[in-house]
Amino acid sequence: MTKNTLTGGRKAEAGIYWNKGSWDLVTLSGKGGVLPGGPTHEYVRIPAVALLAVAPLMGATYVVFLPFIGFAMLADYLGKKAGAGVKDGVTDLAGVLSPEWRPGEAYFLGRRKKAAKGKATKSSDLEKLEKEIEAKRDGKK
């Protein structure tokens, strides 16, 4: 550690201290005090004259980069919206293109067999039933 570097939990004189890890500024006024944190927190004492010189530069940097931050936030917002739209579109398309098969449902609409060489495909029991139904219908009329 250098002469101006102190660790957290130590007593320090009044002044402005910068935390190297979290980039926080800690101000100790009056007769000084104890720096927050433990031995892993390192602080550097910043002279007031140096802070007076750096503060306008920090403000100018903020003013210069503020529009770019706005454009970056707008691009991020539009990108997320476009991504959500694409995701919804792909999900809908997958739903349309997927088959209508649902496990657990029975499909008893099998396909009819083709007639072989002009022979009827209906069984004799089914033909008897149809004749019986027609006879009963004719009898009622």
C-alpha atoms as a PDB file:
ATOM      1  CA  MET A   1       0.000   0.000   0.000  1.00  0.00           C
ATOM      2  CA  THR A   2       1.088   3.530  -0.680  1.00  0.00           C
ATOM      3  CA  LYS A   3       1.114   6.398   1.763  1.00  0.00           C
ATOM      4  CA  ASN A   4      -2.333   7.662   0.673  1.00  0.00           C
ATOM      5  CA  THR A   5      -3.993   4.209   0.671  1.00  0.00           C
ATOM      6  CA  LEU A   6      -5.883   3.074   3.765  1.00  0.00           C
ATOM      7  CA  THR A   7      -8.028   0.010   4.475  1.00  0.00           C
ATOM      8  CA  GLY A   8     -11.593  -0.044   5.771  1.00  0.00           C
ATOM      9  CA  GLY A   9     -12.151  -0.047   9.521  1.00  0.00           C
ATOM     10  CA  ARG A  10      -9.140   2.219  10.162  1.00  0.00           C
ATOM     11  CA  LYS A  11      -9.279   5.666  11.693  1.00  0.00           C
ATOM     12  CA  ALA A  12      -8.533   8.420   9.163  1.00  0.00           C
ATOM     13  CA  GLU A  13      -8.213  12.212   9.136  1.00  0.00           C
ATOM     14  CA  ALA A  14     -10.908  14.452   7.729  1.00  0.00           C
ATOM     15  CA  GLY A  15     -10.986  14.423   3.940  1.00  0.00           C
ATOM     16  CA  ILE A  16     -12.396  12.731   0.859  1.00  0.00           C
ATOM     17  CA  TYR A  17     -11.592   9.040   0.304  1.00  0.00           C
ATOM     18  CA  TRP A  18     -12.219   6.977  -2.812  1.00  0.00           C
ATOM     19  CA  ASN A  19     -13.011   3.255  -2.517  1.00  0.00           C
ATOM     20  CA  LYS A  20     -10.994   1.412  -5.194  1.00  0.00           C
ATOM     21  CA  GLY A  21     -13.383  -1.550  -5.379  1.00  0.00           C
ATOM     22  CA  SER A  22     -16.793   0.100  -5.541  1.00  0.00           C
ATOM     23  CA  TRP A  23     -15.749   3.572  -6.767  1.00  0.00           C
ATOM     24  CA  ASP A  24     -17.601   5.213  -3.866  1.00  0.00           C
ATOM     25  CA  LEU A  25     -16.562   8.528  -2.347  1.00  0.00           C
ATOM     26  CA  VAL A  26     -16.526   8.724   1.445  1.00  0.00           C
ATOM     27  CA  THR A  27     -16.334  12.092   3.137  1.00  0.00           C
ATOM     28  CA  LEU A  28     -14.992  12.367   6.665  1.00  0.00           C
ATOM     29  CA  SER A  29     -15.464  15.795   8.181  1.00  0.00           C
ATOM     30  CA  GLY A  30     -14.501  17.486  11.435  1.00  0.00           C
ATOM     31  CA  LYS A  31     -11.812  15.560  13.279  1.00  0.00           C
ATOM     32  CA  GLY A  32     -12.042  12.543  10.931  1.00  0.00           C
ATOM     33  CA  GLY A  33     -13.522   9.133  11.635  1.00  0.00           C
ATOM     34  CA  VAL A  34     -13.432   5.450  10.761  1.00  0.00           C
ATOM     35  CA  LEU A  35     -13.545   4.327   7.129  1.00  0.00           C
ATOM     36  CA  PRO A  36     -16.419   1.913   6.372  1.00  0.00           C
ATOM     37  CA  GLY A  37     -15.802  -1.723   5.448  1.00  0.00           C
ATOM     38  CA  GLY A  38     -13.195  -4.253   6.446  1.00  0.00           C
ATOM     39  CA  PRO A  39      -9.554  -4.865   5.611  1.00  0.00           C
ATOM     40  CA  THR A  40     -10.443  -5.883   2.045  1.00  0.00           C
ATOM     41  CA  HIS A  41     -11.750  -2.386   1.230  1.00  0.00           C
ATOM     42  CA  GLU A  42      -8.987  -0.053   0.067  1.00  0.00           C
ATOM     43  CA  TYR A  43      -9.383   3.715   0.108  1.00  0.00           C
ATOM     44  CA  VAL A  44      -7.258   6.417  -1.497  1.00  0.00           C
ATOM     45  CA  ARG A  45      -7.248   9.917  -0.060  1.00  0.00           C
ATOM     46  CA  ILE A  46      -8.062  12.525  -2.693  1.00  0.00           C
ATOM     47  CA  PRO A  47      -6.819  16.071  -2.091  1.00  0.00           C
ATOM     48  CA  ALA A  48      -9.559  18.720  -2.314  1.00  0.00           C
ATOM     49  CA  VAL A  49      -7.611  20.633  -4.993  1.00  0.00           C
ATOM     50  CA  ALA A  50      -7.494  17.531  -7.229  1.00  0.00           C
ATOM     51  CA  LEU A  51     -11.234  17.001  -6.778  1.00  0.00           C
ATOM     52  CA  LEU A  52     -11.890  20.625  -7.801  1.00  0.00           C
ATOM     53  CA  ALA A  53      -9.925  20.008 -11.012  1.00  0.00           C
ATOM     54  CA  VAL A  54     -11.499  16.627 -11.822  1.00  0.00           C
ATOM     55  CA  ALA A  55     -15.135  17.553 -11.089  1.00  0.00           C
ATOM     56  CA  PRO A  56     -15.631  19.760 -14.205  1.00  0.00           C
ATOM     57  CA  LEU A  57     -14.058  17.054 -16.381  1.00  0.00           C
ATOM     58  CA  MET A  58     -16.467  14.474 -14.967  1.00  0.00           C
ATOM     59  CA  GLY A  59     -19.397  16.823 -15.692  1.00  0.00           C
ATOM     60  CA  ALA A  60     -18.207  17.462 -19.249  1.00  0.00           C
ATOM     61  CA  THR A  61     -17.840  13.724 -19.855  1.00  0.00           C
ATOM     62  CA  TYR A  62     -21.390  13.194 -18.626  1.00  0.00           C
ATOM     63  CA  VAL A  63     -22.755  15.929 -20.919  1.00  0.00           C
ATOM     64  CA  VAL A  64     -20.881  14.594 -23.967  1.00  0.00           C
ATOM     65  CA  PHE A  65     -21.882  10.949 -23.535  1.00  0.00           C
ATOM     66  CA  LEU A  66     -25.488  11.475 -22.358  1.00  0.00           C
ATOM     67  CA  PRO A  67     -26.973  11.479 -25.906  1.00  0.00           C
ATOM     68  CA  PHE A  68     -25.076   8.289 -26.759  1.00  0.00           C
ATOM     69  CA  ILE A  69     -26.442   6.643 -23.638  1.00  0.00           C
ATOM     70  CA  GLY A  70     -29.951   7.608 -24.766  1.00  0.00           C
ATOM     71  CA  PHE A  71     -29.386   6.140 -28.237  1.00  0.00           C
ATOM     72  CA  ALA A  72     -27.968   2.956 -26.695  1.00  0.00           C
ATOM     73  CA  MET A  73     -31.007   2.601 -24.421  1.00  0.00           C
ATOM     74  CA  LEU A  74     -33.371   3.167 -27.379  1.00  0.00           C
ATOM     75  CA  ALA A  75     -31.526   0.565 -29.484  1.00  0.00           C
ATOM     76  CA  ASP A  76     -31.677  -1.920 -26.596  1.00  0.00           C
ATOM     77  CA  TYR A  77     -35.430  -1.324 -26.168  1.00  0.00           C
ATOM     78  CA  LEU A  78     -36.162  -1.722 -29.890  1.00  0.00           C
ATOM     79  CA  GLY A  79     -33.964  -4.828 -30.092  1.00  0.00           C
ATOM     80  CA  LYS A  80     -35.839  -6.481 -27.226  1.00  0.00           C
ATOM     81  CA  LYS A  81     -39.204  -5.635 -28.808  1.00  0.00           C
ATOM     82  CA  ALA A  82     -38.088  -7.020 -32.185  1.00  0.00           C
ATOM     83  CA  GLY A  83     -36.748 -10.157 -30.532  1.00  0.00           C
ATOM     84  CA  ALA A  84     -40.033 -10.698 -28.697  1.00  0.00           C
ATOM     85  CA  GLY A  85     -41.953 -10.240 -31.961  1.00  0.00           C
ATOM     86  CA  VAL A  86     -39.775 -12.751 -33.783  1.00  0.00           C
ATOM     87  CA  LYS A  87     -40.144 -15.217 -30.915  1.00  0.00           C
ATOM     88  CA  ASP A  88     -43.956 -14.886 -30.960  1.00  0.00           C
ATOM     89  CA  GLY A  89     -44.006 -15.273 -34.742  1.00  0.00           C
ATOM     90  CA  VAL A  90     -41.886 -18.417 -34.653  1.00  0.00           C
ATOM     91  CA  THR A  91     -44.052 -19.857 -31.872  1.00  0.00           C
ATOM     92  CA  ASP A  92     -47.237 -19.174 -33.865  1.00  0.00           C
ATOM     93  CA  LEU A  93     -45.705 -20.638 -37.021  1.00  0.00           C
ATOM     94  CA  ALA A  94     -44.636 -23.750 -35.154  1.00  0.00           C
ATOM     95  CA  GLY A  95     -48.189 -24.121 -33.832  1.00  0.00           C
ATOM     96  CA  VAL A  96     -49.619 -23.905 -37.357  1.00  0.00           C
ATOM     97  CA  LEU A  97     -47.120 -26.327 -38.853  1.00  0.00           C
ATOM     98  CA  SER A  98     -47.304 -28.923 -36.089  1.00  0.00           C
ATOM     99  CA  PRO A  99     -49.672 -31.867 -36.625  1.00  0.00           C
ATOM    100  CA  GLU A 100     -53.043 -32.026 -34.882  1.00  0.00           C
ATOM    101  CA  TRP A 101     -52.138 -35.261 -33.130  1.00  0.00           C
ATOM    102  CA  ARG A 102     -52.997 -35.374 -29.467  1.00  0.00           C
ATOM    103  CA  PRO A 103     -51.982 -38.418 -27.443  1.00  0.00           C
ATOM    104  CA  GLY A 104     -54.881 -40.121 -25.705  1.00  0.00           C
ATOM    105  CA  GLU A 105     -57.419 -39.404 -28.436  1.00  0.00           C
ATOM    106  CA  ALA A 106     -58.695 -42.160 -30.694  1.00  0.00           C
ATOM    107  CA  TYR A 107     -59.193 -41.677 -34.414  1.00  0.00           C
ATOM    108  CA  PHE A 108     -61.628 -44.289 -35.676  1.00  0.00           C
ATOM    109  CA  LEU A 109     -62.061 -42.782 -39.133  1.00  0.00           C
ATOM    110  CA  GLY A 110     -59.801 -45.266 -40.868  1.00  0.00           C
ATOM    111  CA  ARG A 111     -59.426 -45.258 -44.628  1.00  0.00           C
ATOM    112  CA  ARG A 112     -61.678 -47.274 -46.883  1.00  0.00           C
ATOM    113  CA  LYS A 113     -60.153 -50.194 -48.677  1.00  0.00           C
ATOM    114  CA  LYS A 114     -60.071 -49.999 -52.456  1.00  0.00           C
ATOM    115  CA  ALA A 115     -62.283 -52.401 -54.406  1.00  0.00           C
ATOM    116  CA  ALA A 116     -60.318 -55.291 -55.816  1.00  0.00           C
ATOM    117  CA  LYS A 117     -61.230 -56.094 -59.425  1.00  0.00           C
ATOM    118  CA  GLY A 118     -64.787 -54.745 -59.264  1.00  0.00           C
ATOM    119  CA  LYS A 119     -65.789 -56.630 -56.107  1.00  0.00           C
ATOM    120  CA  ALA A 120     -67.710 -54.765 -53.436  1.00  0.00           C
ATOM    121  CA  THR A 121     -65.762 -54.001 -50.282  1.00  0.00           C
ATOM    122  CA  LYS A 122     -68.742 -54.219 -47.916  1.00  0.00           C
ATOM    123  CA  SER A 123     -69.128 -57.330 -45.870  1.00  0.00           C
ATOM    124  CA  SER A 124     -72.189 -59.501 -46.172  1.00  0.00           C
ATOM    125  CA  ASP A 125     -73.360 -58.581 -42.632  1.00  0.00           C
ATOM    126  CA  LEU A 126     -73.305 -54.918 -43.515  1.00  0.00           C
ATOM    127  CA  GLU A 127     -75.304 -55.553 -46.706  1.00  0.00           C
ATOM    128  CA  LYS A 128     -77.927 -57.511 -44.760  1.00  0.00           C
ATOM    129  CA  LEU A 129     -78.259 -54.657 -42.269  1.00  0.00           C
ATOM    130  CA  GLU A 130     -78.717 -52.087 -45.019  1.00  0.00           C
ATOM    131  CA  LYS A 131     -81.453 -54.192 -46.682  1.00  0.00           C
ATOM    132  CA  GLU A 132     -83.203 -54.611 -43.332  1.00  0.00           C
ATOM    133  CA  ILE A 133     -83.160 -50.838 -42.719  1.00  0.00           C
ATOM    134  CA  GLU A 134     -84.533 -50.134 -46.209  1.00  0.00           C
ATOM    135  CA  ALA A 135     -87.285 -52.697 -45.700  1.00  0.00           C
ATOM    136  CA  LYS A 136     -88.367 -51.117 -42.433  1.00  0.00           C
ATOM    137  CA  ARG A 137     -88.379 -47.655 -43.995  1.00  0.00           C
ATOM    138  CA  ASP A 138     -90.484 -48.849 -46.895  1.00  0.00           C
ATOM    139  CA  GLY A 139     -92.894 -50.561 -44.511  1.00  0.00           C
ATOM    140  CA  LYS A 140     -93.562 -47.363 -42.543  1.00  0.00           C
ATOM    141  CA  LYS A 141     -94.313 -45.252 -45.595  1.00  0.00           C
END
